[in-house]
Amino acid sequence: MQRRDFLLSAAAAAAAASLPGAAQAATRLRFAHFSITDDPNHVTALNFSNKLKAATNGAFEVSVIPNSQLGGEVDVVEGILLGTIDLAPPSCAVLANWIPEMNVLNMPFAFRDWDHYTRVLNGSLYDQIVEAAAAKNIRFLGFMTSGVRHIMTRQPVNAIDDLKGRKIRTVQNPVHVAAFNAFGANATAIAYNEVYAALQTGVVDGADAANTNYYTQKFYEVANNWAQIGWLYYSNGIVMSEAKFKRLPVEQQKALMSVGREVGMEHLKLWAESDAKILDQLKAKGVKVTQPDATPFRERSKGIYDQFLKTEKEKQILSAILAG
């Protein structure tokens, strides 16, 4: 093609693209998560993809990549900051390594019950988290959850003293490590995608989870003792790079924020329903369920607040949660 013809062709294409109603190529995003496809997290990721496409008339195409195929939580957050991954729902425990305010959500026994938990997440705390995350180049689009956390072990736990000296896997967050050490265990931080193998081989004696992911990840196959403690209401954030978010048109930014918040709220209900019905299914599979007294766990948790919440802002957020 002659240079003159090429320039005319390019100009014609540009003019056509600028016409009202001209088709524009969709922005393709990858949503990486850490659960299998039977898990509520996968359902929510698919809902996010479908709702965002509908809300933007096809401006976004979101492909969902499950089961830690792009790495564990820390890997994926690093990928988001580097621009190699677009979206993910890492735990607030992992996000706290970049956003200290997130550690407020990691405080043991901060929430009284599910109603208290969902009310706080959907209240003024949300805007504070969005602001804190943006300052660290992370755009917070919505809250998800991984449920109320209990303790799975290879040997039964009937009371807090049964944890003494046991190697318990925790998420890669110093608050979680300190909490299980305070419970008397020997806490070991291991990536989520390595938990099953660590339990199977005896690298650890136990870990924490919610009813739902304990079931969907089949952890009961390698740790069939299930102590109902409820030590933490575990939160996740739907996040992307703040820099990438800011490069998008304002209307697309609004759609991301709206859809993220909407599917996050739906997810809270989805997980609560799942957790409530799965306990009976676990019992049917031969899981040995115990109900240790939570009082000594609560007592040993008190020092965690003072140890990790150092700024006035963090202390204020916690006070607001406890009073909520």
Protein backbone atom coordinates (compact mmCIF):
# COMPACT_ATOMS: atom_id res chain seq x y z
CA MET A 1 0.00 0.00 0.00
CA GLN A 2 1.30 3.47 -0.91
CA ARG A 3 1.94 5.84 1.99
CA ARG A 4 -0.80 8.21 0.74
CA ASP A 5 -3.34 5.36 0.57
CA PHE A 6 -2.33 4.11 4.02
CA LEU A 7 -2.84 7.56 5.55
CA LEU A 8 -6.22 7.94 3.87
CA SER A 9 -7.28 4.50 5.11
CA ALA A 10 -6.16 5.26 8.65
CA ALA A 11 -7.96 8.61 8.62
CA ALA A 12 -11.15 6.98 7.36
CA ALA A 13 -10.96 4.35 10.13
CA ALA A 14 -10.45 7.01 12.78
CA ALA A 15 -13.37 9.03 11.46
CA ALA A 16 -15.62 5.98 11.46
CA ALA A 17 -14.66 5.14 15.04
CA SER A 18 -15.62 8.63 16.15
CA LEU A 19 -19.14 8.39 14.72
CA PRO A 20 -22.00 8.01 17.22
CA GLY A 21 -22.70 4.35 17.92
CA ALA A 22 -19.39 3.17 16.43
CA ALA A 23 -18.20 -0.05 18.02
CA GLN A 24 -15.22 0.27 20.35
CA ALA A 25 -13.02 -2.61 21.40
CA ALA A 26 -13.88 -3.83 24.89
CA THR A 27 -11.36 -3.35 27.69
CA ARG A 28 -10.28 -6.83 28.74
CA LEU A 29 -9.65 -7.47 32.42
CA ARG A 30 -8.53 -10.59 34.27
CA PHE A 31 -10.21 -11.33 37.62
CA ALA A 32 -8.03 -13.77 39.56
CA HIS A 33 -9.37 -15.50 42.66
CA PHE A 34 -8.26 -18.29 44.98
CA SER A 35 -11.22 -20.66 45.23
CA ILE A 36 -12.54 -23.60 43.25
CA THR A 37 -15.50 -23.14 40.93
CA ASP A 38 -17.99 -24.63 43.44
CA ASP A 39 -17.25 -21.83 45.90
CA PRO A 40 -19.36 -18.66 46.44
CA ASN A 41 -16.26 -16.62 45.54
CA HIS A 42 -16.39 -17.98 42.00
CA VAL A 43 -20.11 -17.25 41.71
CA THR A 44 -19.47 -13.67 42.78
CA ALA A 45 -16.57 -13.24 40.35
CA LEU A 46 -18.83 -14.38 37.51
CA ASN A 47 -21.58 -12.03 38.70
CA PHE A 48 -19.08 -9.17 38.68
CA SER A 49 -18.07 -9.99 35.11
CA ASN A 50 -21.65 -10.22 33.85
CA LYS A 51 -22.95 -7.16 35.69
CA LEU A 52 -20.01 -4.97 34.63
CA LYS A 53 -20.47 -5.94 30.99
CA ALA A 54 -24.18 -5.13 31.19
CA ALA A 55 -23.69 -1.87 33.08
CA THR A 56 -21.19 -0.57 30.51
CA ASN A 57 -22.88 -1.89 27.35
CA GLY A 58 -20.00 -4.23 26.70
CA ALA A 59 -17.19 -1.76 27.41
CA PHE A 60 -15.56 -4.41 29.65
CA GLU A 61 -14.86 -8.09 29.09
CA VAL A 62 -13.82 -9.70 32.38
CA SER A 63 -12.35 -13.19 32.30
CA VAL A 64 -12.45 -15.07 35.62
CA ILE A 65 -9.40 -17.16 36.56
CA PRO A 66 -10.11 -19.36 39.61
CA ASN A 67 -8.21 -21.60 42.01
CA SER A 68 -5.00 -19.57 42.47
CA GLN A 69 -3.94 -20.18 38.86
CA LEU A 70 -2.18 -16.79 38.84
CA GLY A 71 -0.66 -17.26 42.29
CA GLY A 72 -1.50 -16.88 45.95
CA GLU A 73 -2.95 -13.77 47.55
CA VAL A 74 0.34 -11.95 48.11
CA ASP A 75 1.45 -12.78 44.55
CA VAL A 76 -1.78 -11.45 43.11
CA VAL A 77 -1.73 -8.17 45.05
CA GLU A 78 1.84 -7.64 43.85
CA GLY A 79 0.64 -8.41 40.31
CA ILE A 80 -2.12 -5.81 40.61
CA LEU A 81 0.37 -3.18 41.73
CA LEU A 82 2.73 -4.13 38.89
CA GLY A 83 -0.11 -4.09 36.36
CA THR A 84 0.11 -7.76 35.38
CA ILE A 85 -3.25 -8.68 36.99
CA ASP A 86 -6.35 -6.51 36.84
CA LEU A 87 -8.79 -7.58 39.56
CA ALA A 88 -8.84 -9.88 42.58
CA PRO A 89 -10.54 -10.39 45.97
CA PRO A 90 -7.58 -10.83 48.36
CA SER A 91 -8.30 -11.02 52.06
CA CYS A 92 -8.12 -7.86 54.11
CA ALA A 93 -5.55 -9.75 56.19
CA VAL A 94 -3.22 -9.80 53.18
CA LEU A 95 -4.18 -6.29 52.05
CA ALA A 96 -3.18 -5.01 55.49
CA ASN A 97 0.44 -5.58 54.48
CA TRP A 98 -0.04 -2.56 52.19
CA ILE A 99 -2.98 -0.78 53.87
CA PRO A 100 -2.48 -0.77 57.68
CA GLU A 101 -6.06 0.39 58.34
CA MET A 102 -7.24 -3.00 57.09
CA ASN A 103 -5.81 -4.57 60.22
CA VAL A 104 -8.80 -3.27 62.16
CA LEU A 105 -10.85 -5.92 60.36
CA ASN A 106 -8.40 -8.59 61.51
CA MET A 107 -8.93 -8.01 65.21
CA PRO A 108 -10.16 -11.16 66.97
CA PHE A 109 -13.78 -11.11 68.14
CA ALA A 110 -14.36 -7.55 66.86
CA PHE A 111 -17.82 -8.49 65.56
CA ARG A 112 -20.66 -9.80 67.72
CA ASP A 113 -22.68 -11.57 65.04
CA TRP A 114 -23.44 -11.60 61.32
CA ASP A 115 -25.86 -8.66 61.47
CA HIS A 116 -23.27 -6.53 63.26
CA TYR A 117 -20.63 -7.53 60.73
CA THR A 118 -22.64 -6.73 57.60
CA ARG A 119 -23.94 -3.49 59.09
CA VAL A 120 -20.40 -2.26 59.75
CA LEU A 121 -19.06 -3.25 56.32
CA ASN A 122 -21.86 -1.40 54.56
CA GLY A 123 -21.59 1.70 56.77
CA SER A 124 -19.13 4.60 57.03
CA LEU A 125 -16.20 2.18 57.33
CA TYR A 126 -16.48 1.50 53.61
CA ASP A 127 -15.60 5.05 52.58
CA GLN A 128 -12.69 5.14 55.02
CA ILE A 129 -11.27 1.95 53.53
CA VAL A 130 -11.65 3.28 49.96
CA GLU A 131 -9.73 6.43 50.91
CA ALA A 132 -6.96 4.56 52.73
CA ALA A 133 -6.54 2.07 49.87
CA ALA A 134 -6.35 4.77 47.18
CA ALA A 135 -3.38 6.32 48.99
CA LYS A 136 -1.54 3.01 48.50
CA ASN A 137 -2.35 2.72 44.76
CA ILE A 138 -5.14 0.22 45.41
CA ARG A 139 -8.70 0.92 44.30
CA PHE A 140 -11.18 -0.75 46.63
CA LEU A 141 -14.36 -1.68 44.74
CA GLY A 142 -16.33 -3.68 47.29
CA PHE A 143 -16.31 -5.96 50.31
CA MET A 144 -16.62 -9.72 50.09
CA THR A 145 -16.29 -12.23 52.91
CA SER A 146 -14.81 -15.62 53.65
CA GLY A 147 -17.15 -16.13 56.56
CA VAL A 148 -16.86 -16.75 60.28
CA ARG A 149 -13.58 -18.52 61.04
CA HIS A 150 -13.30 -21.72 63.05
CA ILE A 151 -10.40 -24.11 63.62
CA MET A 152 -9.74 -27.38 61.76
CA THR A 153 -7.25 -29.84 63.24
CA ARG A 154 -5.90 -33.34 62.77
CA GLN A 155 -6.60 -34.03 66.48
CA PRO A 156 -9.70 -32.78 68.38
CA VAL A 157 -9.85 -29.39 70.09
CA ASN A 158 -12.29 -29.41 73.00
CA ALA A 159 -10.76 -26.47 74.87
CA ILE A 160 -8.16 -23.78 74.29
CA ASP A 161 -5.48 -25.82 76.09
CA ASP A 162 -5.73 -28.43 73.34
CA LEU A 163 -4.06 -25.96 70.97
CA LYS A 164 -0.93 -25.71 73.10
CA GLY A 165 2.15 -26.27 70.98
CA ARG A 166 0.23 -27.30 67.87
CA LYS A 167 1.40 -25.97 64.52
CA ILE A 168 -1.54 -23.99 63.13
CA ARG A 169 -1.49 -22.45 59.68
CA THR A 170 -2.49 -18.81 59.46
CA VAL A 171 -2.87 -16.36 56.62
CA GLN A 172 0.20 -14.26 55.83
CA ASN A 173 -0.56 -11.50 58.30
CA PRO A 174 1.18 -10.78 61.63
CA VAL A 175 -2.13 -10.21 63.47
CA HIS A 176 -3.29 -13.73 62.65
CA VAL A 177 0.08 -15.16 63.67
CA ALA A 178 -0.04 -13.26 66.97
CA ALA A 179 -3.63 -14.31 67.64
CA PHE A 180 -2.92 -18.02 67.32
CA ASN A 181 0.27 -17.70 69.32
CA ALA A 182 -1.85 -16.02 72.02
CA PHE A 183 -4.21 -19.02 71.86
CA GLY A 184 -1.20 -21.18 72.74
CA ALA A 185 -0.52 -22.56 69.27
CA ASN A 186 2.64 -22.38 67.21
CA ALA A 187 1.39 -20.22 64.33
CA THR A 188 2.83 -20.73 60.86
CA ALA A 189 1.97 -18.39 57.96
CA ILE A 190 1.38 -20.36 54.73
CA ALA A 191 -0.24 -19.33 51.45
CA TYR A 192 -3.85 -20.49 51.03
CA ASN A 193 -3.14 -22.64 47.98
CA GLU A 194 -0.64 -24.67 50.06
CA VAL A 195 -2.93 -25.42 53.03
CA TYR A 196 -4.32 -28.79 51.92
CA ALA A 197 -0.87 -30.24 51.24
CA ALA A 198 0.52 -28.81 54.49
CA LEU A 199 -2.25 -30.53 56.45
CA GLN A 200 -1.96 -33.74 54.47
CA THR A 201 1.79 -34.05 55.06
CA GLY A 202 1.74 -32.90 58.67
CA VAL A 203 3.67 -29.70 58.05
CA VAL A 204 0.90 -28.14 60.16
CA ASP A 205 -1.56 -29.68 62.61
CA GLY A 206 -4.44 -27.40 61.75
CA ALA A 207 -5.69 -24.14 60.23
CA ASP A 208 -8.68 -21.84 60.32
CA ALA A 209 -11.51 -21.56 57.82
CA ALA A 210 -15.24 -20.97 57.53
CA ASN A 211 -17.78 -23.77 57.14
CA THR A 212 -18.03 -23.10 53.41
CA ASN A 213 -14.40 -23.17 52.31
CA TYR A 214 -13.61 -25.95 54.79
CA TYR A 215 -16.17 -27.94 52.79
CA THR A 216 -15.50 -26.72 49.23
CA GLN A 217 -11.71 -27.11 49.54
CA LYS A 218 -12.22 -30.55 51.12
CA PHE A 219 -9.99 -29.69 54.05
CA TYR A 220 -12.05 -32.17 56.09
CA GLU A 221 -10.28 -34.97 54.21
CA VAL A 222 -6.98 -34.10 55.92
CA ALA A 223 -8.22 -32.41 59.13
CA ASN A 224 -11.59 -33.81 60.15
CA ASN A 225 -11.89 -32.13 63.56
CA TRP A 226 -13.83 -28.87 63.42
CA ALA A 227 -13.84 -26.58 66.49
CA GLN A 228 -16.56 -23.92 66.24
CA ILE A 229 -14.84 -20.85 67.71
CA GLY A 230 -15.90 -17.92 65.51
CA TRP A 231 -12.69 -16.05 66.32
CA LEU A 232 -12.86 -13.79 63.25
CA TYR A 233 -15.27 -12.53 60.61
CA TYR A 234 -12.99 -12.73 57.60
CA SER A 235 -13.25 -9.99 54.99
CA ASN A 236 -12.01 -9.71 51.41
CA GLY A 237 -11.80 -6.69 49.15
CA ILE A 238 -12.47 -6.57 45.41
CA VAL A 239 -9.48 -4.49 44.29
CA MET A 240 -7.61 -3.21 41.27
CA SER A 241 -4.74 -0.80 40.66
CA GLU A 242 -5.63 2.80 41.51
CA ALA A 243 -3.45 3.99 38.64
CA LYS A 244 -5.27 1.76 36.15
CA PHE A 245 -8.62 2.81 37.61
CA LYS A 246 -7.78 6.51 37.19
CA ARG A 247 -6.86 6.04 33.53
CA LEU A 248 -10.39 4.89 32.72
CA PRO A 249 -13.21 7.26 31.68
CA VAL A 250 -15.23 8.59 34.61
CA GLU A 251 -18.37 6.70 33.62
CA GLN A 252 -16.45 3.43 33.59
CA GLN A 253 -14.96 4.24 37.00
CA LYS A 254 -18.47 4.78 38.34
CA ALA A 255 -19.61 1.46 36.87
CA LEU A 256 -16.72 -0.42 38.49
CA MET A 257 -17.48 1.12 41.88
CA SER A 258 -21.22 0.50 41.59
CA VAL A 259 -20.93 -3.10 40.41
CA GLY A 260 -18.20 -3.93 42.92
CA ARG A 261 -20.28 -2.66 45.82
CA GLU A 262 -23.43 -4.40 44.56
CA VAL A 263 -21.91 -7.85 44.03
CA GLY A 264 -20.06 -7.55 47.33
CA MET A 265 -23.31 -7.02 49.23
CA GLU A 266 -24.89 -9.93 47.38
CA HIS A 267 -21.88 -12.05 48.25
CA LEU A 268 -22.28 -11.43 51.98
CA LYS A 269 -25.79 -12.92 51.80
CA LEU A 270 -24.64 -15.79 49.58
CA TRP A 271 -21.86 -16.78 51.97
CA ALA A 272 -24.07 -16.52 55.07
CA GLU A 273 -26.61 -18.86 53.47
CA SER A 274 -23.86 -21.28 52.47
CA ASP A 275 -22.23 -21.35 55.90
CA ALA A 276 -25.55 -21.98 57.62
CA LYS A 277 -26.46 -25.07 55.59
CA ILE A 278 -23.02 -26.67 55.20
CA LEU A 279 -22.40 -27.59 58.85
CA ASP A 280 -24.90 -30.45 58.61
CA GLN A 281 -23.24 -31.66 55.40
CA LEU A 282 -19.87 -31.70 57.18
CA LYS A 283 -21.32 -33.78 60.01
CA ALA A 284 -22.74 -36.20 57.45
CA LYS A 285 -19.23 -36.67 56.08
CA GLY A 286 -17.99 -37.74 59.50
CA VAL A 287 -16.45 -34.43 60.59
CA LYS A 288 -16.13 -34.29 64.38
CA VAL A 289 -17.59 -30.94 65.49
CA THR A 290 -16.71 -29.52 68.91
CA GLN A 291 -17.85 -26.36 70.70
CA PRO A 292 -14.97 -25.11 72.88
CA ASP A 293 -15.72 -22.32 75.35
CA ALA A 294 -14.87 -19.08 73.52
CA THR A 295 -14.30 -17.07 76.72
CA PRO A 296 -10.58 -17.88 77.16
CA PHE A 297 -10.01 -17.20 73.45
CA ARG A 298 -11.56 -13.76 73.91
CA GLU A 299 -9.49 -13.06 77.02
CA ARG A 300 -6.22 -13.92 75.31
CA SER A 301 -7.15 -11.74 72.33
CA LYS A 302 -7.35 -8.49 74.28
CA GLY A 303 -3.65 -7.71 73.99
CA ILE A 304 -3.78 -8.01 70.19
CA TYR A 305 -5.66 -4.72 69.86
CA ASP A 306 -3.02 -2.69 71.65
CA GLN A 307 -0.18 -4.55 69.96
CA PHE A 308 -1.25 -3.78 66.40
CA LEU A 309 -3.50 -0.72 66.34
CA LYS A 310 -1.03 2.12 66.77
CA THR A 311 -2.55 5.19 65.10
CA GLU A 312 -5.45 7.23 66.38
CA LYS A 313 -7.31 6.59 63.14
CA GLU A 314 -7.04 2.82 63.56
CA LYS A 315 -8.17 3.03 67.19
CA GLN A 316 -11.11 5.23 66.21
CA ILE A 317 -12.20 2.77 63.51
CA LEU A 318 -12.06 -0.11 66.00
CA SER A 319 -14.04 1.87 68.59
CA ALA A 320 -16.69 2.61 65.98
CA ILE A 321 -16.88 -1.10 65.07
CA LEU A 322 -17.19 -2.25 68.68
CA ALA A 323 -19.89 0.35 69.36
CA GLY A 324 -21.76 -0.35 66.11
